[in-house]
């Protein structure tokens, strides 16, 4: 009789998410994942098919566990939208990894490192980034309705710009930039689109 799995799928994905987020997609081998998941490679392949199959499941898990929660917390549709946008960008550079080191964004770093990802993997990464951009877009449109955007700022362009800013901040975070500097940059980026009074 086969032994029952040591961990359920949720915990396996949590462990894999941490390993890939911390180590990076290209630097994390199947052997690394064996250690992180306490599973042998054949068991990983039986569950997920390939490393990329595991990556797709991990990205979906990350979007649900991290991205959507952050969007729901900060881009609420209530209060001052400029404050909300600032809080969202600042929150993305204050989540610490081991020893206080910032790991950046799993979506951003994996998108940069994954070489010619398959369709399912690419779709999962794109969907995650769209969740962020749509959340920013809703809040920017609310800022426009409340006359909180600077004159001449177009909401769609502002939301796209803030999405790119966030990805840039994540890359800098991954490279070891000081969190205080990243938060300063986040505030400055939102200030470029802000106008009116809170």
C-alpha atoms as a PDB file:
ATOM      1  CA  UNK A   1       0.000   0.000   0.000  1.00  0.00           C
ATOM      2  CA  UNK A   2       1.320   3.442  -0.935  1.00  0.00           C
ATOM      3  CA  UNK A   3       2.086   5.753   1.961  1.00  0.00           C
ATOM      4  CA  UNK A   4      -0.179   8.796   2.251  1.00  0.00           C
ATOM      5  CA  UNK A   5       1.498  12.069   1.206  1.00  0.00           C
ATOM      6  CA  UNK A   6       3.364  13.852   3.988  1.00  0.00           C
ATOM      7  CA  UNK A   7       1.842  17.226   3.055  1.00  0.00           C
ATOM      8  CA  UNK A   8      -1.394  18.230   1.379  1.00  0.00           C
ATOM      9  CA  UNK A   9      -1.339  20.153  -1.895  1.00  0.00           C
ATOM     10  CA  UNK A  10      -1.804  23.481  -0.139  1.00  0.00           C
ATOM     11  CA  UNK A  11       1.301  23.008   1.999  1.00  0.00           C
ATOM     12  CA  UNK A  12       3.285  21.658  -0.946  1.00  0.00           C
ATOM     13  CA  UNK A  13       2.445  24.797  -2.922  1.00  0.00           C
ATOM     14  CA  UNK A  14       3.312  26.998   0.063  1.00  0.00           C
ATOM     15  CA  UNK A  15       6.708  25.314   0.317  1.00  0.00           C
ATOM     16  CA  UNK A  16       7.321  25.461  -3.425  1.00  0.00           C
ATOM     17  CA  UNK A  17       6.264  29.107  -3.522  1.00  0.00           C
ATOM     18  CA  UNK A  18       8.782  29.986  -0.817  1.00  0.00           C
ATOM     19  CA  UNK A  19      11.558  28.045  -2.558  1.00  0.00           C
ATOM     20  CA  UNK A  20      10.954  29.610  -5.974  1.00  0.00           C
ATOM     21  CA  UNK A  21      10.306  33.087  -4.581  1.00  0.00           C
ATOM     22  CA  UNK A  22      13.465  33.042  -2.490  1.00  0.00           C
ATOM     23  CA  UNK A  23      15.752  31.187  -4.873  1.00  0.00           C
ATOM     24  CA  UNK A  24      14.447  32.399  -8.208  1.00  0.00           C
ATOM     25  CA  UNK A  25      13.023  30.333 -11.063  1.00  0.00           C
ATOM     26  CA  UNK A  26      16.244  29.733 -12.963  1.00  0.00           C
ATOM     27  CA  UNK A  27      18.386  29.082  -9.876  1.00  0.00           C
ATOM     28  CA  UNK A  28      16.006  26.633  -8.180  1.00  0.00           C
ATOM     29  CA  UNK A  29      16.609  23.094  -9.402  1.00  0.00           C
ATOM     30  CA  UNK A  30      14.442  20.025  -9.049  1.00  0.00           C
ATOM     31  CA  UNK A  31      16.936  18.847  -6.424  1.00  0.00           C
ATOM     32  CA  UNK A  32      16.342  22.091  -4.499  1.00  0.00           C
ATOM     33  CA  UNK A  33      12.607  21.508  -4.766  1.00  0.00           C
ATOM     34  CA  UNK A  34      13.010  17.924  -3.552  1.00  0.00           C
ATOM     35  CA  UNK A  35      14.580  19.311  -0.372  1.00  0.00           C
ATOM     36  CA  UNK A  36      12.033  22.087   0.081  1.00  0.00           C
ATOM     37  CA  UNK A  37       9.020  19.839  -0.512  1.00  0.00           C
ATOM     38  CA  UNK A  38      10.439  16.701   1.122  1.00  0.00           C
ATOM     39  CA  UNK A  39       9.346  14.858  -2.019  1.00  0.00           C
ATOM     40  CA  UNK A  40      11.388  12.880  -4.510  1.00  0.00           C
ATOM     41  CA  UNK A  41      11.487  14.077  -8.090  1.00  0.00           C
ATOM     42  CA  UNK A  42       9.211  11.269  -9.371  1.00  0.00           C
ATOM     43  CA  UNK A  43       6.528  12.351  -6.889  1.00  0.00           C
ATOM     44  CA  UNK A  44       6.847  15.974  -8.009  1.00  0.00           C
ATOM     45  CA  UNK A  45       6.543  14.927 -11.645  1.00  0.00           C
ATOM     46  CA  UNK A  46       3.551  12.677 -10.905  1.00  0.00           C
ATOM     47  CA  UNK A  47       1.722  15.569  -9.266  1.00  0.00           C
ATOM     48  CA  UNK A  48       2.685  18.395 -11.615  1.00  0.00           C
ATOM     49  CA  UNK A  49       4.066  16.830 -14.796  1.00  0.00           C
ATOM     50  CA  UNK A  50       7.111  19.095 -15.175  1.00  0.00           C
ATOM     51  CA  UNK A  51       8.947  21.817 -13.300  1.00  0.00           C
ATOM     52  CA  UNK A  52       6.957  24.288 -15.366  1.00  0.00           C
ATOM     53  CA  UNK A  53       3.720  22.542 -14.366  1.00  0.00           C
ATOM     54  CA  UNK A  54       4.716  23.055 -10.739  1.00  0.00           C
ATOM     55  CA  UNK A  55       5.629  26.653 -11.560  1.00  0.00           C
ATOM     56  CA  UNK A  56       2.188  27.262 -13.055  1.00  0.00           C
ATOM     57  CA  UNK A  57       0.487  25.891  -9.938  1.00  0.00           C
ATOM     58  CA  UNK A  58       2.794  27.965  -7.718  1.00  0.00           C
ATOM     59  CA  UNK A  59       2.076  31.178  -9.638  1.00  0.00           C
ATOM     60  CA  UNK A  60      -1.683  30.580  -9.350  1.00  0.00           C
ATOM     61  CA  UNK A  61      -1.216  29.936  -5.626  1.00  0.00           C
ATOM     62  CA  UNK A  62       0.904  33.086  -5.213  1.00  0.00           C
ATOM     63  CA  UNK A  63      -1.698  35.216  -6.988  1.00  0.00           C
ATOM     64  CA  UNK A  64      -4.428  33.928  -4.666  1.00  0.00           C
ATOM     65  CA  UNK A  65      -2.387  34.005  -1.460  1.00  0.00           C
ATOM     66  CA  UNK A  66      -0.319  37.156  -1.943  1.00  0.00           C
ATOM     67  CA  UNK A  67      -1.378  39.331  -4.866  1.00  0.00           C
ATOM     68  CA  UNK A  68      -5.171  39.291  -4.468  1.00  0.00           C
ATOM     69  CA  UNK A  69      -4.890  39.756  -0.708  1.00  0.00           C
ATOM     70  CA  UNK A  70      -2.658  42.797  -1.152  1.00  0.00           C
ATOM     71  CA  UNK A  71      -4.957  44.262  -3.810  1.00  0.00           C
ATOM     72  CA  UNK A  72      -8.023  43.646  -1.629  1.00  0.00           C
ATOM     73  CA  UNK A  73      -6.319  45.198   1.390  1.00  0.00           C
ATOM     74  CA  UNK A  74      -4.975  48.389  -0.172  1.00  0.00           C
ATOM     75  CA  UNK A  75      -6.949  49.063  -3.356  1.00  0.00           C
ATOM     76  CA  UNK A  76     -10.232  49.017  -1.517  1.00  0.00           C
ATOM     77  CA  UNK A  77     -12.339  51.571  -3.364  1.00  0.00           C
ATOM     78  CA  UNK A  78     -12.706  53.473  -0.081  1.00  0.00           C
ATOM     79  CA  UNK A  79     -10.869  56.446   1.418  1.00  0.00           C
ATOM     80  CA  UNK A  80      -8.402  58.562  -0.511  1.00  0.00           C
ATOM     81  CA  UNK A  81      -7.319  56.784  -3.715  1.00  0.00           C
ATOM     82  CA  UNK A  82      -3.900  58.457  -3.799  1.00  0.00           C
ATOM     83  CA  UNK A  83      -3.206  57.249  -0.259  1.00  0.00           C
ATOM     84  CA  UNK A  84      -4.382  53.768  -1.292  1.00  0.00           C
ATOM     85  CA  UNK A  85      -2.105  53.680  -4.334  1.00  0.00           C
ATOM     86  CA  UNK A  86       0.829  54.809  -2.210  1.00  0.00           C
ATOM     87  CA  UNK A  87       0.093  52.203   0.464  1.00  0.00           C
ATOM     88  CA  UNK A  88      -0.132  49.471  -2.178  1.00  0.00           C
ATOM     89  CA  UNK A  89       3.224  50.303  -3.735  1.00  0.00           C
ATOM     90  CA  UNK A  90       4.862  50.696  -0.323  1.00  0.00           C
ATOM     91  CA  UNK A  91       3.440  47.334   0.791  1.00  0.00           C
ATOM     92  CA  UNK A  92       5.100  45.655  -2.167  1.00  0.00           C
ATOM     93  CA  UNK A  93       8.535  46.685  -0.897  1.00  0.00           C
ATOM     94  CA  UNK A  94       8.049  45.943   2.782  1.00  0.00           C
ATOM     95  CA  UNK A  95       7.315  42.210   2.636  1.00  0.00           C
ATOM     96  CA  UNK A  96      10.501  40.654   3.919  1.00  0.00           C
ATOM     97  CA  UNK A  97      12.023  37.315   3.233  1.00  0.00           C
ATOM     98  CA  UNK A  98      14.668  35.597   5.286  1.00  0.00           C
ATOM     99  CA  UNK A  99      16.756  37.851   7.482  1.00  0.00           C
ATOM    100  CA  UNK A 100      14.800  40.903   6.388  1.00  0.00           C
ATOM    101  CA  UNK A 101      15.932  40.554   2.749  1.00  0.00           C
ATOM    102  CA  UNK A 102      13.321  41.496   0.165  1.00  0.00           C
ATOM    103  CA  UNK A 103      12.578  38.781  -2.368  1.00  0.00           C
ATOM    104  CA  UNK A 104      10.793  41.063  -4.831  1.00  0.00           C
ATOM    105  CA  UNK A 105       7.698  39.877  -6.684  1.00  0.00           C
ATOM    106  CA  UNK A 106       7.479  36.236  -7.749  1.00  0.00           C
ATOM    107  CA  UNK A 107       5.606  37.269 -10.903  1.00  0.00           C
ATOM    108  CA  UNK A 108       8.212  39.835 -11.929  1.00  0.00           C
ATOM    109  CA  UNK A 109      11.298  37.764 -11.188  1.00  0.00           C
ATOM    110  CA  UNK A 110       9.872  34.623 -12.784  1.00  0.00           C
ATOM    111  CA  UNK A 111       8.783  36.537 -15.882  1.00  0.00           C
ATOM    112  CA  UNK A 112      12.344  37.807 -16.243  1.00  0.00           C
ATOM    113  CA  UNK A 113      13.972  34.421 -15.648  1.00  0.00           C
ATOM    114  CA  UNK A 114      11.666  31.921 -17.357  1.00  0.00           C
ATOM    115  CA  UNK A 115      13.136  31.111 -20.768  1.00  0.00           C
ATOM    116  CA  UNK A 116      10.391  30.690 -23.396  1.00  0.00           C
ATOM    117  CA  UNK A 117       7.650  29.613 -20.939  1.00  0.00           C
ATOM    118  CA  UNK A 118       4.894  27.319 -22.162  1.00  0.00           C
ATOM    119  CA  UNK A 119       1.416  28.663 -22.728  1.00  0.00           C
ATOM    120  CA  UNK A 120      -0.091  27.690 -19.355  1.00  0.00           C
ATOM    121  CA  UNK A 121       2.874  29.084 -17.430  1.00  0.00           C
ATOM    122  CA  UNK A 122       2.910  32.316 -19.453  1.00  0.00           C
ATOM    123  CA  UNK A 123      -0.864  32.692 -19.041  1.00  0.00           C
ATOM    124  CA  UNK A 124      -0.573  32.280 -15.259  1.00  0.00           C
ATOM    125  CA  UNK A 125       2.133  34.956 -15.065  1.00  0.00           C
ATOM    126  CA  UNK A 126       0.155  37.324 -17.287  1.00  0.00           C
ATOM    127  CA  UNK A 127      -3.032  36.789 -15.284  1.00  0.00           C
ATOM    128  CA  UNK A 128      -1.226  37.670 -12.061  1.00  0.00           C
ATOM    129  CA  UNK A 129       0.146  40.882 -13.502  1.00  0.00           C
ATOM    130  CA  UNK A 130      -3.321  41.751 -14.831  1.00  0.00           C
ATOM    131  CA  UNK A 131      -4.772  41.382 -11.325  1.00  0.00           C
ATOM    132  CA  UNK A 132      -2.312  44.052 -10.174  1.00  0.00           C
ATOM    133  CA  UNK A 133      -2.893  46.360 -13.126  1.00  0.00           C
ATOM    134  CA  UNK A 134      -6.691  46.086 -12.911  1.00  0.00           C
ATOM    135  CA  UNK A 135      -6.587  46.871  -9.192  1.00  0.00           C
ATOM    136  CA  UNK A 136      -4.412  49.916  -9.838  1.00  0.00           C
ATOM    137  CA  UNK A 137      -6.635  50.931 -12.740  1.00  0.00           C
ATOM    138  CA  UNK A 138      -9.798  50.867 -10.611  1.00  0.00           C
ATOM    139  CA  UNK A 139      -8.183  53.051  -7.971  1.00  0.00           C
ATOM    140  CA  UNK A 140      -6.751  55.479 -10.541  1.00  0.00           C
ATOM    141  CA  UNK A 141     -10.175  55.860 -12.161  1.00  0.00           C
ATOM    142  CA  UNK A 142     -11.634  56.574  -8.741  1.00  0.00           C
ATOM    143  CA  UNK A 143      -8.929  59.204  -8.247  1.00  0.00           C
ATOM    144  CA  UNK A 144      -9.987  60.779 -11.559  1.00  0.00           C
ATOM    145  CA  UNK A 145     -13.635  60.839 -10.461  1.00  0.00           C
ATOM    146  CA  UNK A 146     -12.623  62.562  -7.223  1.00  0.00           C
ATOM    147  CA  UNK A 147     -10.424  65.081  -9.064  1.00  0.00           C
ATOM    148  CA  UNK A 148      -7.307  63.666  -7.405  1.00  0.00           C
ATOM    149  CA  UNK A 149      -5.243  63.284 -10.593  1.00  0.00           C
ATOM    150  CA  UNK A 150      -2.912  65.954 -11.873  1.00  0.00           C
ATOM    151  CA  UNK A 151      -4.119  67.877 -14.929  1.00  0.00           C
ATOM    152  CA  UNK A 152      -3.530  66.000 -18.168  1.00  0.00           C
ATOM    153  CA  UNK A 153      -2.990  62.604 -16.518  1.00  0.00           C
ATOM    154  CA  UNK A 154      -4.878  59.893 -18.423  1.00  0.00           C
ATOM    155  CA  UNK A 155      -6.119  57.124 -16.084  1.00  0.00           C
ATOM    156  CA  UNK A 156      -5.226  54.098 -18.244  1.00  0.00           C
ATOM    157  CA  UNK A 157      -1.734  55.426 -18.882  1.00  0.00           C
ATOM    158  CA  UNK A 158      -1.289  56.222 -15.175  1.00  0.00           C
ATOM    159  CA  UNK A 159      -2.330  52.703 -14.161  1.00  0.00           C
ATOM    160  CA  UNK A 160       0.015  51.150 -16.726  1.00  0.00           C
ATOM    161  CA  UNK A 161       2.839  53.400 -15.533  1.00  0.00           C
ATOM    162  CA  UNK A 162       2.296  52.458 -11.891  1.00  0.00           C
ATOM    163  CA  UNK A 163       2.309  48.770 -12.862  1.00  0.00           C
ATOM    164  CA  UNK A 164       5.691  49.259 -14.544  1.00  0.00           C
ATOM    165  CA  UNK A 165       6.928  51.240 -11.545  1.00  0.00           C
ATOM    166  CA  UNK A 166       5.956  48.384  -9.246  1.00  0.00           C
ATOM    167  CA  UNK A 167       7.800  45.876 -11.412  1.00  0.00           C
ATOM    168  CA  UNK A 168      10.861  48.126 -11.382  1.00  0.00           C
ATOM    169  CA  UNK A 169      10.688  48.425  -7.603  1.00  0.00           C
ATOM    170  CA  UNK A 170      10.480  44.625  -7.354  1.00  0.00           C
ATOM    171  CA  UNK A 171      13.573  44.212  -9.511  1.00  0.00           C
ATOM    172  CA  UNK A 172      15.438  46.736  -7.359  1.00  0.00           C
ATOM    173  CA  UNK A 173      14.238  44.977  -4.212  1.00  0.00           C
ATOM    174  CA  UNK A 174      15.530  41.668  -5.534  1.00  0.00           C
ATOM    175  CA  UNK A 175      18.859  43.342  -6.208  1.00  0.00           C
ATOM    176  CA  UNK A 176      19.181  44.437  -2.587  1.00  0.00           C
ATOM    177  CA  UNK A 177      18.066  48.076  -2.702  1.00  0.00           C
ATOM    178  CA  UNK A 178      17.310  49.462   0.784  1.00  0.00           C
ATOM    179  CA  UNK A 179      13.582  49.261   1.664  1.00  0.00           C
ATOM    180  CA  UNK A 180      13.526  52.911   2.786  1.00  0.00           C
ATOM    181  CA  UNK A 181      14.802  54.002  -0.617  1.00  0.00           C
ATOM    182  CA  UNK A 182      12.233  51.834  -2.385  1.00  0.00           C
ATOM    183  CA  UNK A 183       9.395  53.323  -0.316  1.00  0.00           C
ATOM    184  CA  UNK A 184      10.655  56.809  -1.170  1.00  0.00           C
ATOM    185  CA  UNK A 185      10.595  55.902  -4.850  1.00  0.00           C
ATOM    186  CA  UNK A 186       7.094  54.469  -4.490  1.00  0.00           C
ATOM    187  CA  UNK A 187       5.799  57.691  -2.939  1.00  0.00           C
ATOM    188  CA  UNK A 188       7.517  59.773  -5.622  1.00  0.00           C
ATOM    189  CA  UNK A 189       5.952  57.697  -8.407  1.00  0.00           C
ATOM    190  CA  UNK A 190       2.426  58.210  -7.072  1.00  0.00           C
ATOM    191  CA  UNK A 191       3.124  61.913  -6.536  1.00  0.00           C
ATOM    192  CA  UNK A 192       3.764  62.311 -10.285  1.00  0.00           C
ATOM    193  CA  UNK A 193       0.112  61.504 -11.049  1.00  0.00           C
ATOM    194  CA  UNK A 194      -1.501  63.143  -8.007  1.00  0.00           C
ATOM    195  CA  UNK A 195      -3.305  66.453  -7.952  1.00  0.00           C
ATOM    196  CA  UNK A 196      -6.050  68.121  -5.941  1.00  0.00           C
ATOM    197  CA  UNK A 197      -6.506  67.845  -2.198  1.00  0.00           C
ATOM    198  CA  UNK A 198      -7.095  64.790  -0.076  1.00  0.00           C
END
